């Protein structure tokens, strides 16, 4: 889902007028949140599609923000 939201939809031209996206993911524990960030953010090159891409970690929440 994360890959589709931040890469696939833009690559296919689905969101031509979208200038920013925010996705919040809630986990049962903070270690699961950290694992999620390590596994997804490190493997994907979201910066290719967005001017800015940030990841914020909370106690058991991850917020991904991207903007043009």
PDB file of N, CA and C in Angstrom:
ATOM      1  N   UNK A   1       0.819  -1.185   0.000  1.00  0.00           N
ATOM      2  CA  UNK A   1       0.000   0.000   0.000  1.00  0.00           C
ATOM      3  C   UNK A   1       0.869   1.257   0.000  1.00  0.00           C
ATOM      4  N   UNK A   2       1.897   1.267   0.843  1.00  0.00           N
ATOM      5  CA  UNK A   2       2.764   2.445   0.923  1.00  0.00           C
ATOM      6  C   UNK A   2       3.423   2.711  -0.428  1.00  0.00           C
ATOM      7  N   UNK A   3       3.914   1.656  -1.057  1.00  0.00           N
ATOM      8  CA  UNK A   3       4.554   1.837  -2.369  1.00  0.00           C
ATOM      9  C   UNK A   3       3.564   2.396  -3.392  1.00  0.00           C
ATOM     10  N   UNK A   4       2.330   1.901  -3.395  1.00  0.00           N
ATOM     11  CA  UNK A   4       1.324   2.418  -4.324  1.00  0.00           C
ATOM     12  C   UNK A   4       1.046   3.895  -4.067  1.00  0.00           C
ATOM     13  N   UNK A   5       0.850   4.258  -2.807  1.00  0.00           N
ATOM     14  CA  UNK A   5       0.505   5.639  -2.463  1.00  0.00           C
ATOM     15  C   UNK A   5       1.625   6.601  -2.862  1.00  0.00           C
ATOM     16  N   UNK A   6       2.876   6.251  -2.561  1.00  0.00           N
ATOM     17  CA  UNK A   6       3.971   7.194  -2.761  1.00  0.00           C
ATOM     18  C   UNK A   6       4.684   7.070  -4.099  1.00  0.00           C
ATOM     19  N   UNK A   7       4.504   5.966  -4.817  1.00  0.00           N
ATOM     20  CA  UNK A   7       5.198   5.802  -6.096  1.00  0.00           C
ATOM     21  C   UNK A   7       4.265   5.407  -7.242  1.00  0.00           C
ATOM     22  N   UNK A   8       3.566   4.292  -7.081  1.00  0.00           N
ATOM     23  CA  UNK A   8       2.776   3.732  -8.173  1.00  0.00           C
ATOM     24  C   UNK A   8       1.729   4.671  -8.735  1.00  0.00           C
ATOM     25  N   UNK A   9       0.988   5.339  -7.880  1.00  0.00           N
ATOM     26  CA  UNK A   9      -0.074   6.231  -8.347  1.00  0.00           C
ATOM     27  C   UNK A   9       0.498   7.419  -9.118  1.00  0.00           C
ATOM     28  N   UNK A  10       1.599   7.965  -8.648  1.00  0.00           N
ATOM     29  CA  UNK A  10       2.215   9.083  -9.356  1.00  0.00           C
ATOM     30  C   UNK A  10       2.814   8.642 -10.675  1.00  0.00           C
ATOM     31  N   UNK A  11       3.474   7.498 -10.675  1.00  0.00           N
ATOM     32  CA  UNK A  11       4.116   6.985 -11.885  1.00  0.00           C
ATOM     33  C   UNK A  11       3.090   6.764 -12.995  1.00  0.00           C
ATOM     34  N   UNK A  12       1.896   6.322 -12.623  1.00  0.00           N
ATOM     35  CA  UNK A  12       0.850   6.059 -13.603  1.00  0.00           C
ATOM     36  C   UNK A  12       0.011   7.303 -13.917  1.00  0.00           C
ATOM     37  N   UNK A  13       0.293   8.422 -13.274  1.00  0.00           N
ATOM     38  CA  UNK A  13      -0.434   9.656 -13.537  1.00  0.00           C
ATOM     39  C   UNK A  13      -1.812   9.713 -12.911  1.00  0.00           C
ATOM     40  N   UNK A  14      -2.062   8.879 -11.905  1.00  0.00           N
ATOM     41  CA  UNK A  14      -3.379   8.840 -11.267  1.00  0.00           C
ATOM     42  C   UNK A  14      -3.671  10.134 -10.519  1.00  0.00           C
ATOM     43  N   UNK A  15      -2.657  10.681  -9.861  1.00  0.00           N
ATOM     44  CA  UNK A  15      -2.869  11.866  -9.013  1.00  0.00           C
ATOM     45  C   UNK A  15      -2.173  13.081  -9.593  1.00  0.00           C
ATOM     46  N   UNK A  16      -2.586  13.539 -10.721  1.00  0.00           N
ATOM     47  CA  UNK A  16      -1.907  14.666 -11.377  1.00  0.00           C
ATOM     48  C   UNK A  16      -1.994  15.959 -10.567  1.00  0.00           C
ATOM     49  N   UNK A  17      -3.089  16.168  -9.852  1.00  0.00           N
ATOM     50  CA  UNK A  17      -3.282  17.419  -9.119  1.00  0.00           C
ATOM     51  C   UNK A  17      -2.932  17.333  -7.639  1.00  0.00           C
ATOM     52  N   UNK A  18      -2.523  16.179  -7.171  1.00  0.00           N
ATOM     53  CA  UNK A  18      -2.169  16.011  -5.756  1.00  0.00           C
ATOM     54  C   UNK A  18      -0.778  16.593  -5.524  1.00  0.00           C
ATOM     55  N   UNK A  19      -0.664  17.449  -4.525  1.00  0.00           N
ATOM     56  CA  UNK A  19       0.624  18.082  -4.222  1.00  0.00           C
ATOM     57  C   UNK A  19       1.227  17.609  -2.915  1.00  0.00           C
ATOM     58  N   UNK A  20       0.426  16.921  -2.087  1.00  0.00           N
ATOM     59  CA  UNK A  20       0.980  16.383  -0.844  1.00  0.00           C
ATOM     60  C   UNK A  20       0.139  15.192  -0.384  1.00  0.00           C
ATOM     61  N   UNK A  21       0.808  14.308   0.354  1.00  0.00           N
ATOM     62  CA  UNK A  21       0.159  13.097   0.863  1.00  0.00           C
ATOM     63  C   UNK A  21       0.659  12.850   2.276  1.00  0.00           C
ATOM     64  N   UNK A  22      -0.247  12.421   3.160  1.00  0.00           N
ATOM     65  CA  UNK A  22       0.134  12.034   4.513  1.00  0.00           C
ATOM     66  C   UNK A  22      -0.515  10.685   4.819  1.00  0.00           C
ATOM     67  N   UNK A  23       0.293   9.755   5.294  1.00  0.00           N
ATOM     68  CA  UNK A  23      -0.198   8.434   5.677  1.00  0.00           C
ATOM     69  C   UNK A  23       0.210   8.181   7.122  1.00  0.00           C
ATOM     70  N   UNK A  24      -0.737   7.804   7.965  1.00  0.00           N
ATOM     71  CA  UNK A  24      -0.453   7.458   9.360  1.00  0.00           C
ATOM     72  C   UNK A  24      -0.709   5.971   9.553  1.00  0.00           C
ATOM     73  N   UNK A  25       0.268   5.304  10.162  1.00  0.00           N
ATOM     74  CA  UNK A  25       0.157   3.879  10.424  1.00  0.00           C
ATOM     75  C   UNK A  25       0.316   3.670  11.919  1.00  0.00           C
ATOM     76  N   UNK A  26      -0.628   2.986  12.553  1.00  0.00           N
ATOM     77  CA  UNK A  26      -0.598   2.754  13.995  1.00  0.00           C
ATOM     78  C   UNK A  26      -0.266   1.282  14.251  1.00  0.00           C
ATOM     79  N   UNK A  27       0.625   1.044  15.219  1.00  0.00           N
ATOM     80  CA  UNK A  27       1.082  -0.297  15.553  1.00  0.00           C
ATOM     81  C   UNK A  27       0.764  -0.619  17.006  1.00  0.00           C
ATOM     82  N   UNK A  28       0.857  -1.887  17.351  1.00  0.00           N
ATOM     83  CA  UNK A  28       0.630  -2.316  18.730  1.00  0.00           C
ATOM     84  C   UNK A  28       1.795  -1.949  19.642  1.00  0.00           C
ATOM     85  N   UNK A  29       2.994  -1.820  19.074  1.00  0.00           N
ATOM     86  CA  UNK A  29       4.160  -1.501  19.899  1.00  0.00           C
ATOM     87  C   UNK A  29       5.112  -0.582  19.139  1.00  0.00           C
ATOM     88  N   UNK A  30       5.973   0.101  19.878  1.00  0.00           N
ATOM     89  CA  UNK A  30       6.930   1.002  19.244  1.00  0.00           C
ATOM     90  C   UNK A  30       7.987   0.236  18.458  1.00  0.00           C
ATOM     91  N   UNK A  31       8.281  -1.001  18.863  1.00  0.00           N
ATOM     92  CA  UNK A  31       9.266  -1.788  18.109  1.00  0.00           C
ATOM     93  C   UNK A  31       8.718  -2.170  16.732  1.00  0.00           C
ATOM     94  N   UNK A  32       7.429  -2.432  16.639  1.00  0.00           N
ATOM     95  CA  UNK A  32       6.821  -2.717  15.336  1.00  0.00           C
ATOM     96  C   UNK A  32       6.879  -1.481  14.443  1.00  0.00           C
ATOM     97  N   UNK A  33       6.666  -0.319  15.013  1.00  0.00           N
ATOM     98  CA  UNK A  33       6.752   0.924  14.251  1.00  0.00           C
ATOM     99  C   UNK A  33       8.164   1.131  13.719  1.00  0.00           C
ATOM    100  N   UNK A  34       9.160   0.898  14.542  1.00  0.00           N
ATOM    101  CA  UNK A  34      10.549   1.037  14.108  1.00  0.00           C
ATOM    102  C   UNK A  34      10.895   0.044  13.008  1.00  0.00           C
ATOM    103  N   UNK A  35      10.435  -1.189  13.166  1.00  0.00           N
ATOM    104  CA  UNK A  35      10.674  -2.210  12.142  1.00  0.00           C
ATOM    105  C   UNK A  35      10.054  -1.800  10.807  1.00  0.00           C
ATOM    106  N   UNK A  36       8.856  -1.245  10.868  1.00  0.00           N
ATOM    107  CA  UNK A  36       8.167  -0.807   9.655  1.00  0.00           C
ATOM    108  C   UNK A  36       8.985   0.255   8.916  1.00  0.00           C
ATOM    109  N   UNK A  37       9.466   1.238   9.649  1.00  0.00           N
ATOM    110  CA  UNK A  37      10.245   2.309   9.027  1.00  0.00           C
ATOM    111  C   UNK A  37      11.533   1.746   8.434  1.00  0.00           C
ATOM    112  N   UNK A  38      12.205   0.898   9.171  1.00  0.00           N
ATOM    113  CA  UNK A  38      13.455   0.314   8.684  1.00  0.00           C
ATOM    114  C   UNK A  38      13.242  -0.499   7.408  1.00  0.00           C
ATOM    115  N   UNK A  39      12.154  -1.228   7.348  1.00  0.00           N
ATOM    116  CA  UNK A  39      11.904  -2.094   6.194  1.00  0.00           C
ATOM    117  C   UNK A  39      11.393  -1.343   4.978  1.00  0.00           C
ATOM    118  N   UNK A  40      10.545  -0.343   5.169  1.00  0.00           N
ATOM    119  CA  UNK A  40       9.955   0.331   4.012  1.00  0.00           C
ATOM    120  C   UNK A  40      10.786   1.515   3.540  1.00  0.00           C
ATOM    121  N   UNK A  41      11.194   2.358   4.441  1.00  0.00           N
ATOM    122  CA  UNK A  41      11.877   3.586   4.037  1.00  0.00           C
ATOM    123  C   UNK A  41      13.247   3.293   3.436  1.00  0.00           C
ATOM    124  N   UNK A  42      13.940   2.321   3.966  1.00  0.00           N
ATOM    125  CA  UNK A  42      15.264   2.008   3.462  1.00  0.00           C
ATOM    126  C   UNK A  42      15.275   1.363   2.095  1.00  0.00           C
ATOM    127  N   UNK A  43      14.192   0.698   1.716  1.00  0.00           N
ATOM    128  CA  UNK A  43      14.175  -0.032   0.457  1.00  0.00           C
ATOM    129  C   UNK A  43      13.597   0.754  -0.705  1.00  0.00           C
ATOM    130  N   UNK A  44      12.796   1.735  -0.442  1.00  0.00           N
ATOM    131  CA  UNK A  44      12.147   2.482  -1.516  1.00  0.00           C
ATOM    132  C   UNK A  44      12.788   3.850  -1.673  1.00  0.00           C
ATOM    133  N   UNK A  45      12.849   4.311  -2.894  1.00  0.00           N
ATOM    134  CA  UNK A  45      13.405   5.639  -3.180  1.00  0.00           C
ATOM    135  C   UNK A  45      12.274   6.615  -3.486  1.00  0.00           C
ATOM    136  N   UNK A  46      11.539   7.004  -2.437  1.00  0.00           N
ATOM    137  CA  UNK A  46      10.398   7.892  -2.612  1.00  0.00           C
ATOM    138  C   UNK A  46      10.815   9.277  -3.077  1.00  0.00           C
ATOM    139  N   UNK A  47      12.037   9.651  -2.793  1.00  0.00           N
ATOM    140  CA  UNK A  47      12.507  10.976  -3.172  1.00  0.00           C
ATOM    141  C   UNK A  47      12.479  11.164  -4.688  1.00  0.00           C
ATOM    142  N   UNK A  48      12.507  10.085  -5.446  1.00  0.00           N
ATOM    143  CA  UNK A  48      12.439  10.163  -6.909  1.00  0.00           C
ATOM    144  C   UNK A  48      11.124  10.809  -7.347  1.00  0.00           C
ATOM    145  N   UNK A  49      10.066  10.566  -6.608  1.00  0.00           N
ATOM    146  CA  UNK A  49       8.739  11.010  -7.013  1.00  0.00           C
ATOM    147  C   UNK A  49       8.292  12.287  -6.300  1.00  0.00           C
ATOM    148  N   UNK A  50       8.916  12.613  -5.160  1.00  0.00           N
ATOM    149  CA  UNK A  50       8.468  13.747  -4.354  1.00  0.00           C
ATOM    150  C   UNK A  50       9.628  14.698  -4.087  1.00  0.00           C
ATOM    151  N   UNK A  51       9.310  15.982  -3.968  1.00  0.00           N
ATOM    152  CA  UNK A  51      10.345  16.967  -3.645  1.00  0.00           C
ATOM    153  C   UNK A  51      10.821  16.787  -2.208  1.00  0.00           C
ATOM    154  N   UNK A  52       9.889  16.569  -1.291  1.00  0.00           N
ATOM    155  CA  UNK A  52      10.254  16.289   0.103  1.00  0.00           C
ATOM    156  C   UNK A  52       9.533  15.032   0.568  1.00  0.00           C
ATOM    157  N   UNK A  53      10.222  14.257   1.374  1.00  0.00           N
ATOM    158  CA  UNK A  53       9.637  13.049   1.943  1.00  0.00           C
ATOM    159  C   UNK A  53      10.164  12.906   3.354  1.00  0.00           C
ATOM    160  N   UNK A  54       9.273  12.888   4.352  1.00  0.00           N
ATOM    161  CA  UNK A  54       9.700  12.791   5.745  1.00  0.00           C
ATOM    162  C   UNK A  54       8.975  11.647   6.452  1.00  0.00           C
ATOM    163  N   UNK A  55       9.652  11.116   7.441  1.00  0.00           N
ATOM    164  CA  UNK A  55       9.096  10.057   8.278  1.00  0.00           C
ATOM    165  C   UNK A  55       9.184  10.506   9.726  1.00  0.00           C
ATOM    166  N   UNK A  56       8.062  10.490  10.425  1.00  0.00           N
ATOM    167  CA  UNK A  56       8.043  10.827  11.844  1.00  0.00           C
ATOM    168  C   UNK A  56       7.622   9.591  12.623  1.00  0.00           C
ATOM    169  N   UNK A  57       8.389   9.269  13.641  1.00  0.00           N
ATOM    170  CA  UNK A  57       8.064   8.120  14.487  1.00  0.00           C
ATOM    171  C   UNK A  57       7.511   8.595  15.815  1.00  0.00           C
ATOM    172  N   UNK A  58       6.394   8.036  16.198  1.00  0.00           N
ATOM    173  CA  UNK A  58       5.843   8.268  17.514  1.00  0.00           C
ATOM    174  C   UNK A  58       6.060   7.018  18.338  1.00  0.00           C
ATOM    175  N   UNK A  59       5.415   6.936  19.465  1.00  0.00           N
ATOM    176  CA  UNK A  59       5.583   5.781  20.329  1.00  0.00           C
ATOM    177  C   UNK A  59       5.149   4.493  19.635  1.00  0.00           C
ATOM    178  N   UNK A  60       3.992   4.496  19.029  1.00  0.00           N
ATOM    179  CA  UNK A  60       3.533   3.320  18.282  1.00  0.00           C
ATOM    180  C   UNK A  60       2.853   3.751  16.970  1.00  0.00           C
ATOM    181  N   UNK A  61       3.329   4.862  16.420  1.00  0.00           N
ATOM    182  CA  UNK A  61       2.742   5.421  15.228  1.00  0.00           C
ATOM    183  C   UNK A  61       3.843   5.917  14.308  1.00  0.00           C
ATOM    184  N   UNK A  62       3.606   5.775  13.018  1.00  0.00           N
ATOM    185  CA  UNK A  62       4.524   6.302  12.004  1.00  0.00           C
ATOM    186  C   UNK A  62       3.705   7.189  11.076  1.00  0.00           C
ATOM    187  N   UNK A  63       4.207   8.391  10.809  1.00  0.00           N
ATOM    188  CA  UNK A  63       3.560   9.293   9.886  1.00  0.00           C
ATOM    189  C   UNK A  63       4.520   9.552   8.740  1.00  0.00           C
ATOM    190  N   UNK A  64       4.048   9.297   7.517  1.00  0.00           N
ATOM    191  CA  UNK A  64       4.838   9.531   6.314  1.00  0.00           C
ATOM    192  C   UNK A  64       4.233  10.721   5.582  1.00  0.00           C
ATOM    193  N   UNK A  65       5.042  11.726   5.291  1.00  0.00           N
ATOM    194  CA  UNK A  65       4.582  12.920   4.592  1.00  0.00           C
ATOM    195  C   UNK A  65       5.401  13.120   3.317  1.00  0.00           C
ATOM    196  N   UNK A  66       4.731  13.480   2.257  1.00  0.00           N
ATOM    197  CA  UNK A  66       5.420  13.782   1.008  1.00  0.00           C
ATOM    198  C   UNK A  66       4.744  14.979   0.367  1.00  0.00           C
ATOM    199  N   UNK A  67       5.549  15.814  -0.286  1.00  0.00           N
ATOM    200  CA  UNK A  67       4.975  16.965  -0.984  1.00  0.00           C
ATOM    201  C   UNK A  67       5.794  17.291  -2.220  1.00  0.00           C
ATOM    202  N   UNK A  68       5.137  17.987  -3.140  1.00  0.00           N
ATOM    203  CA  UNK A  68       5.770  18.370  -4.403  1.00  0.00           C
ATOM    204  C   UNK A  68       6.520  19.663  -4.246  1.00  0.00           C
TER     205      UNK A  68
END
